[in-house]
Amino acid sequence: MFMMATKYGTGLVRRLRDEEDGLALTEYLILLGLLTAVVVGAVATFGTSLGTQWGLWSTWLTGLDGPPSL
């Protein structure tokens, strides 16, 4: 009985070690974290000027009469 449990445990450890799906998921999570950090940094750096530009663009769009007539 002990030998069967030892063999099963050894096989389980080997399967978990050789599995590569978890590594791909980890790499994607690291990339997602880096991308999120860059976006947060950009918004923190350029936030005020971006807000001003959005406001100007909104004002410009509000002043339009509609699509040009042909």
PDB file of N, CA and C in Angstrom:
ATOM      1  N   MET A   1       0.822  -1.195   0.000  1.00  0.00           N
ATOM      2  CA  MET A   1       0.000   0.000   0.000  1.00  0.00           C
ATOM      3  C   MET A   1       0.867   1.261   0.000  1.00  0.00           C
ATOM      4  N   PHE A   2       1.903   1.262   0.828  1.00  0.00           N
ATOM      5  CA  PHE A   2       2.797   2.403   0.896  1.00  0.00           C
ATOM      6  C   PHE A   2       3.504   2.634  -0.436  1.00  0.00           C
ATOM      7  N   MET A   3       3.881   1.543  -1.106  1.00  0.00           N
ATOM      8  CA  MET A   3       4.567   1.658  -2.401  1.00  0.00           C
ATOM      9  C   MET A   3       3.644   2.274  -3.451  1.00  0.00           C
ATOM     10  N   MET A   4       2.366   1.903  -3.424  1.00  0.00           N
ATOM     11  CA  MET A   4       1.425   2.461  -4.382  1.00  0.00           C
ATOM     12  C   MET A   4       1.242   3.965  -4.142  1.00  0.00           C
ATOM     13  N   ALA A   5       1.146   4.363  -2.902  1.00  0.00           N
ATOM     14  CA  ALA A   5       0.974   5.782  -2.575  1.00  0.00           C
ATOM     15  C   ALA A   5       2.223   6.570  -2.957  1.00  0.00           C
ATOM     16  N   THR A   6       3.401   5.993  -2.726  1.00  0.00           N
ATOM     17  CA  THR A   6       4.650   6.655  -3.086  1.00  0.00           C
ATOM     18  C   THR A   6       4.761   6.807  -4.600  1.00  0.00           C
ATOM     19  N   LYS A   7       4.394   5.751  -5.325  1.00  0.00           N
ATOM     20  CA  LYS A   7       4.456   5.797  -6.789  1.00  0.00           C
ATOM     21  C   LYS A   7       3.458   6.825  -7.332  1.00  0.00           C
ATOM     22  N   TYR A   8       2.266   6.857  -6.736  1.00  0.00           N
ATOM     23  CA  TYR A   8       1.269   7.839  -7.163  1.00  0.00           C
ATOM     24  C   TYR A   8       1.755   9.258  -6.887  1.00  0.00           C
ATOM     25  N   GLY A   9       2.302   9.509  -5.702  1.00  0.00           N
ATOM     26  CA  GLY A   9       2.801  10.835  -5.344  1.00  0.00           C
ATOM     27  C   GLY A   9       3.947  11.275  -6.248  1.00  0.00           C
ATOM     28  N   THR A  10       4.847  10.351  -6.562  1.00  0.00           N
ATOM     29  CA  THR A  10       5.962  10.667  -7.455  1.00  0.00           C
ATOM     30  C   THR A  10       5.452  11.006  -8.849  1.00  0.00           C
ATOM     31  N   GLY A  11       4.486  10.242  -9.335  1.00  0.00           N
ATOM     32  CA  GLY A  11       3.905  10.511 -10.652  1.00  0.00           C
ATOM     33  C   GLY A  11       3.183  11.845 -10.682  1.00  0.00           C
ATOM     34  N   LEU A  12       2.489  12.170  -9.608  1.00  0.00           N
ATOM     35  CA  LEU A  12       1.773  13.436  -9.523  1.00  0.00           C
ATOM     36  C   LEU A  12       2.746  14.611  -9.562  1.00  0.00           C
ATOM     37  N   VAL A  13       3.823  14.513  -8.799  1.00  0.00           N
ATOM     38  CA  VAL A  13       4.833  15.579  -8.795  1.00  0.00           C
ATOM     39  C   VAL A  13       5.453  15.719 -10.180  1.00  0.00           C
ATOM     40  N   ARG A  14       5.726  14.624 -10.848  1.00  0.00           N
ATOM     41  CA  ARG A  14       6.316  14.664 -12.191  1.00  0.00           C
ATOM     42  C   ARG A  14       5.359  15.316 -13.189  1.00  0.00           C
ATOM     43  N   ARG A  15       4.079  14.978 -13.098  1.00  0.00           N
ATOM     44  CA  ARG A  15       3.101  15.571 -14.018  1.00  0.00           C
ATOM     45  C   ARG A  15       2.965  17.072 -13.780  1.00  0.00           C
ATOM     46  N   LEU A  16       2.941  17.490 -12.533  1.00  0.00           N
ATOM     47  CA  LEU A  16       2.826  18.916 -12.231  1.00  0.00           C
ATOM     48  C   LEU A  16       4.067  19.690 -12.676  1.00  0.00           C
ATOM     49  N   ARG A  17       5.236  19.059 -12.533  1.00  0.00           N
ATOM     50  CA  ARG A  17       6.480  19.704 -12.930  1.00  0.00           C
ATOM     51  C   ARG A  17       6.579  19.862 -14.445  1.00  0.00           C
ATOM     52  N   ASP A  18       6.115  18.868 -15.190  1.00  0.00           N
ATOM     53  CA  ASP A  18       6.235  18.876 -16.640  1.00  0.00           C
ATOM     54  C   ASP A  18       5.127  19.656 -17.330  1.00  0.00           C
ATOM     55  N   GLU A  19       4.081  20.020 -16.613  1.00  0.00           N
ATOM     56  CA  GLU A  19       2.972  20.743 -17.216  1.00  0.00           C
ATOM     57  C   GLU A  19       3.399  22.174 -17.541  1.00  0.00           C
ATOM     58  N   GLU A  20       3.129  22.622 -18.761  1.00  0.00           N
ATOM     59  CA  GLU A  20       3.571  23.942 -19.197  1.00  0.00           C
ATOM     60  C   GLU A  20       2.423  24.935 -19.313  1.00  0.00           C
ATOM     61  N   ASP A  21       1.187  24.524 -19.131  1.00  0.00           N
ATOM     62  CA  ASP A  21       0.061  25.442 -19.243  1.00  0.00           C
ATOM     63  C   ASP A  21       0.119  26.527 -18.183  1.00  0.00           C
ATOM     64  N   GLY A  22       0.528  26.189 -16.997  1.00  0.00           N
ATOM     65  CA  GLY A  22       0.626  27.162 -15.923  1.00  0.00           C
ATOM     66  C   GLY A  22       1.672  28.228 -16.203  1.00  0.00           C
ATOM     67  N   LEU A  23       2.751  27.842 -16.881  1.00  0.00           N
ATOM     68  CA  LEU A  23       3.785  28.816 -17.223  1.00  0.00           C
ATOM     69  C   LEU A  23       3.265  29.845 -18.213  1.00  0.00           C
ATOM     70  N   ALA A  24       2.493  29.408 -19.201  1.00  0.00           N
ATOM     71  CA  ALA A  24       1.944  30.345 -20.186  1.00  0.00           C
ATOM     72  C   ALA A  24       0.989  31.314 -19.495  1.00  0.00           C
ATOM     73  N   LEU A  25       0.166  30.816 -18.595  1.00  0.00           N
ATOM     74  CA  LEU A  25      -0.755  31.677 -17.868  1.00  0.00           C
ATOM     75  C   LEU A  25       0.010  32.690 -17.028  1.00  0.00           C
ATOM     76  N   THR A  26       1.069  32.264 -16.394  1.00  0.00           N
ATOM     77  CA  THR A  26       1.881  33.164 -15.585  1.00  0.00           C
ATOM     78  C   THR A  26       2.499  34.262 -16.440  1.00  0.00           C
ATOM     79  N   GLU A  27       2.995  33.885 -17.615  1.00  0.00           N
ATOM     80  CA  GLU A  27       3.585  34.883 -18.509  1.00  0.00           C
ATOM     81  C   GLU A  27       2.542  35.909 -18.945  1.00  0.00           C
ATOM     82  N   TYR A  28       1.342  35.459 -19.270  1.00  0.00           N
ATOM     83  CA  TYR A  28       0.281  36.389 -19.668  1.00  0.00           C
ATOM     84  C   TYR A  28      -0.117  37.301 -18.514  1.00  0.00           C
ATOM     85  N   LEU A  29      -0.144  36.778 -17.311  1.00  0.00           N
ATOM     86  CA  LEU A  29      -0.488  37.610 -16.155  1.00  0.00           C
ATOM     87  C   LEU A  29       0.583  38.660 -15.885  1.00  0.00           C
ATOM     88  N   ILE A  30       1.851  38.296 -16.089  1.00  0.00           N
ATOM     89  CA  ILE A  30       2.931  39.271 -15.924  1.00  0.00           C
ATOM     90  C   ILE A  30       2.803  40.369 -16.971  1.00  0.00           C
ATOM     91  N   LEU A  31       2.543  39.995 -18.228  1.00  0.00           N
ATOM     92  CA  LEU A  31       2.361  40.992 -19.282  1.00  0.00           C
ATOM     93  C   LEU A  31       1.166  41.893 -19.000  1.00  0.00           C
ATOM     94  N   LEU A  32       0.080  41.307 -18.509  1.00  0.00           N
ATOM     95  CA  LEU A  32      -1.102  42.103 -18.167  1.00  0.00           C
ATOM     96  C   LEU A  32      -0.781  43.084 -17.047  1.00  0.00           C
ATOM     97  N   GLY A  33      -0.029  42.652 -16.062  1.00  0.00           N
ATOM     98  CA  GLY A  33       0.365  43.539 -14.975  1.00  0.00           C
ATOM     99  C   GLY A  33       1.240  44.683 -15.449  1.00  0.00           C
ATOM    100  N   LEU A  34       2.189  44.382 -16.344  1.00  0.00           N
ATOM    101  CA  LEU A  34       3.049  45.435 -16.887  1.00  0.00           C
ATOM    102  C   LEU A  34       2.245  46.435 -17.714  1.00  0.00           C
ATOM    103  N   LEU A  35       1.336  45.925 -18.532  1.00  0.00           N
ATOM    104  CA  LEU A  35       0.505  46.804 -19.350  1.00  0.00           C
ATOM    105  C   LEU A  35      -0.364  47.699 -18.465  1.00  0.00           C
ATOM    106  N   THR A  36      -0.931  47.133 -17.432  1.00  0.00           N
ATOM    107  CA  THR A  36      -1.755  47.909 -16.505  1.00  0.00           C
ATOM    108  C   THR A  36      -0.919  48.996 -15.823  1.00  0.00           C
ATOM    109  N   ALA A  37       0.302  48.652 -15.423  1.00  0.00           N
ATOM    110  CA  ALA A  37       1.171  49.643 -14.779  1.00  0.00           C
ATOM    111  C   ALA A  37       1.508  50.783 -15.737  1.00  0.00           C
ATOM    112  N   VAL A  38       1.742  50.468 -17.009  1.00  0.00           N
ATOM    113  CA  VAL A  38       2.050  51.514 -17.993  1.00  0.00           C
ATOM    114  C   VAL A  38       0.849  52.427 -18.204  1.00  0.00           C
ATOM    115  N   VAL A  39      -0.346  51.853 -18.285  1.00  0.00           N
ATOM    116  CA  VAL A  39      -1.553  52.669 -18.486  1.00  0.00           C
ATOM    117  C   VAL A  39      -1.793  53.569 -17.276  1.00  0.00           C
ATOM    118  N   VAL A  40      -1.657  53.020 -16.098  1.00  0.00           N
ATOM    119  CA  VAL A  40      -1.850  53.823 -14.884  1.00  0.00           C
ATOM    120  C   VAL A  40      -0.808  54.928 -14.816  1.00  0.00           C
ATOM    121  N   GLY A  41       0.437  54.620 -15.161  1.00  0.00           N
ATOM    122  CA  GLY A  41       1.489  55.630 -15.174  1.00  0.00           C
ATOM    123  C   GLY A  41       1.225  56.732 -16.183  1.00  0.00           C
ATOM    124  N   ALA A  42       0.758  56.352 -17.375  1.00  0.00           N
ATOM    125  CA  ALA A  42       0.460  57.356 -18.412  1.00  0.00           C
ATOM    126  C   ALA A  42      -0.682  58.258 -17.986  1.00  0.00           C
ATOM    127  N   VAL A  43      -1.710  57.682 -17.399  1.00  0.00           N
ATOM    128  CA  VAL A  43      -2.849  58.503 -16.948  1.00  0.00           C
ATOM    129  C   VAL A  43      -2.416  59.408 -15.803  1.00  0.00           C
ATOM    130  N   ALA A  44      -1.583  58.903 -14.917  1.00  0.00           N
ATOM    131  CA  ALA A  44      -1.109  59.743 -13.816  1.00  0.00           C
ATOM    132  C   ALA A  44      -0.234  60.885 -14.331  1.00  0.00           C
ATOM    133  N   THR A  45       0.551  60.618 -15.374  1.00  0.00           N
ATOM    134  CA  THR A  45       1.451  61.640 -15.905  1.00  0.00           C
ATOM    135  C   THR A  45       0.716  62.670 -16.749  1.00  0.00           C
ATOM    136  N   PHE A  46      -0.148  62.186 -17.636  1.00  0.00           N
ATOM    137  CA  PHE A  46      -0.804  63.079 -18.597  1.00  0.00           C
ATOM    138  C   PHE A  46      -2.276  63.313 -18.289  1.00  0.00           C
ATOM    139  N   GLY A  47      -2.732  62.971 -17.112  1.00  0.00           N
ATOM    140  CA  GLY A  47      -4.153  63.030 -16.783  1.00  0.00           C
ATOM    141  C   GLY A  47      -4.789  64.388 -16.942  1.00  0.00           C
ATOM    142  N   THR A  48      -4.150  65.417 -16.445  1.00  0.00           N
ATOM    143  CA  THR A  48      -4.733  66.757 -16.503  1.00  0.00           C
ATOM    144  C   THR A  48      -4.839  67.254 -17.935  1.00  0.00           C
ATOM    145  N   SER A  49      -3.769  67.094 -18.701  1.00  0.00           N
ATOM    146  CA  SER A  49      -3.812  67.570 -20.082  1.00  0.00           C
ATOM    147  C   SER A  49      -4.756  66.723 -20.929  1.00  0.00           C
ATOM    148  N   LEU A  50      -4.872  65.437 -20.619  1.00  0.00           N
ATOM    149  CA  LEU A  50      -5.834  64.601 -21.346  1.00  0.00           C
ATOM    150  C   LEU A  50      -7.261  65.033 -21.048  1.00  0.00           C
ATOM    151  N   GLY A  51      -7.545  65.378 -19.794  1.00  0.00           N
ATOM    152  CA  GLY A  51      -8.869  65.858 -19.437  1.00  0.00           C
ATOM    153  C   GLY A  51      -9.214  67.154 -20.152  1.00  0.00           C
ATOM    154  N   THR A  52      -8.233  68.022 -20.273  1.00  0.00           N
ATOM    155  CA  THR A  52      -8.442  69.290 -20.985  1.00  0.00           C
ATOM    156  C   THR A  52      -8.732  69.027 -22.461  1.00  0.00           C
ATOM    157  N   GLN A  53      -7.972  68.142 -23.061  1.00  0.00           N
ATOM    158  CA  GLN A  53      -8.172  67.824 -24.479  1.00  0.00           C
ATOM    159  C   GLN A  53      -9.539  67.184 -24.717  1.00  0.00           C
ATOM    160  N   TRP A  54      -9.966  66.271 -23.840  1.00  0.00           N
ATOM    161  CA  TRP A  54     -11.288  65.665 -23.978  1.00  0.00           C
ATOM    162  C   TRP A  54     -12.375  66.737 -23.877  1.00  0.00           C
ATOM    163  N   GLY A  55     -12.195  67.687 -22.960  1.00  0.00           N
ATOM    164  CA  GLY A  55     -13.166  68.768 -22.822  1.00  0.00           C
ATOM    165  C   GLY A  55     -13.252  69.626 -24.071  1.00  0.00           C
ATOM    166  N   LEU A  56     -12.101  69.957 -24.656  1.00  0.00           N
ATOM    167  CA  LEU A  56     -12.089  70.740 -25.886  1.00  0.00           C
ATOM    168  C   LEU A  56     -12.743  69.985 -27.034  1.00  0.00           C
ATOM    169  N   TRP A  57     -12.469  68.697 -27.123  1.00  0.00           N
ATOM    170  CA  TRP A  57     -13.050  67.873 -28.184  1.00  0.00           C
ATOM    171  C   TRP A  57     -14.564  67.768 -28.013  1.00  0.00           C
ATOM    172  N   SER A  58     -15.005  67.630 -26.768  1.00  0.00           N
ATOM    173  CA  SER A  58     -16.433  67.552 -26.482  1.00  0.00           C
ATOM    174  C   SER A  58     -17.133  68.856 -26.865  1.00  0.00           C
ATOM    175  N   THR A  59     -16.505  69.973 -26.543  1.00  0.00           N
ATOM    176  CA  THR A  59     -17.073  71.265 -26.906  1.00  0.00           C
ATOM    177  C   THR A  59     -17.157  71.413 -28.425  1.00  0.00           C
ATOM    178  N   TRP A  60     -16.119  70.983 -29.129  1.00  0.00           N
ATOM    179  CA  TRP A  60     -16.113  71.067 -30.585  1.00  0.00           C
ATOM    180  C   TRP A  60     -17.224  70.205 -31.189  1.00  0.00           C
ATOM    181  N   LEU A  61     -17.391  68.967 -30.664  1.00  0.00           N
ATOM    182  CA  LEU A  61     -18.438  68.081 -31.180  1.00  0.00           C
ATOM    183  C   LEU A  61     -19.831  68.622 -30.889  1.00  0.00           C
ATOM    184  N   THR A  62     -19.999  69.247 -29.743  1.00  0.00           N
ATOM    185  CA  THR A  62     -21.299  69.810 -29.390  1.00  0.00           C
ATOM    186  C   THR A  62     -21.660  70.965 -30.326  1.00  0.00           C
ATOM    187  N   GLY A  63     -20.659  71.703 -30.804  1.00  0.00           N
ATOM    188  CA  GLY A  63     -20.903  72.843 -31.673  1.00  0.00           C
ATOM    189  C   GLY A  63     -21.195  72.467 -33.113  1.00  0.00           C
ATOM    190  N   LEU A  64     -21.016  71.224 -33.473  1.00  0.00           N
ATOM    191  CA  LEU A  64     -21.304  70.813 -34.851  1.00  0.00           C
ATOM    192  C   LEU A  64     -22.812  70.754 -35.093  1.00  0.00           C
ATOM    193  N   ASP A  65     -23.237  71.127 -36.276  1.00  0.00           N
ATOM    194  CA  ASP A  65     -24.675  71.121 -36.604  1.00  0.00           C
ATOM    195  C   ASP A  65     -25.172  69.761 -37.022  1.00  0.00           C
ATOM    196  N   GLY A  66     -24.328  68.896 -37.420  1.00  0.00           N
ATOM    197  CA  GLY A  66     -24.731  67.578 -37.881  1.00  0.00           C
ATOM    198  C   GLY A  66     -23.943  67.212 -39.119  1.00  0.00           C
ATOM    199  N   PRO A  67     -24.345  66.163 -39.802  1.00  0.00           N
ATOM    200  CA  PRO A  67     -23.602  65.751 -40.979  1.00  0.00           C
ATOM    201  C   PRO A  67     -23.780  66.780 -42.105  1.00  0.00           C
ATOM    202  N   PRO A  68     -22.751  66.959 -42.912  1.00  0.00           N
ATOM    203  CA  PRO A  68     -22.857  67.931 -43.999  1.00  0.00           C
ATOM    204  C   PRO A  68     -23.907  67.487 -45.023  1.00  0.00           C
ATOM    205  N   SER A  69     -24.633  68.446 -45.573  1.00  0.00           N
ATOM    206  CA  SER A  69     -25.659  68.124 -46.585  1.00  0.00           C
ATOM    207  C   SER A  69     -24.985  68.069 -47.955  1.00  0.00           C
ATOM    208  N   LEU A  70     -25.473  67.175 -48.760  1.00  0.00           N
ATOM    209  CA  LEU A  70     -24.902  67.026 -50.105  1.00  0.00           C
ATOM    210  C   LEU A  70     -25.610  67.842 -51.109  1.00  0.00           C
TER     211      LEU A  70
END
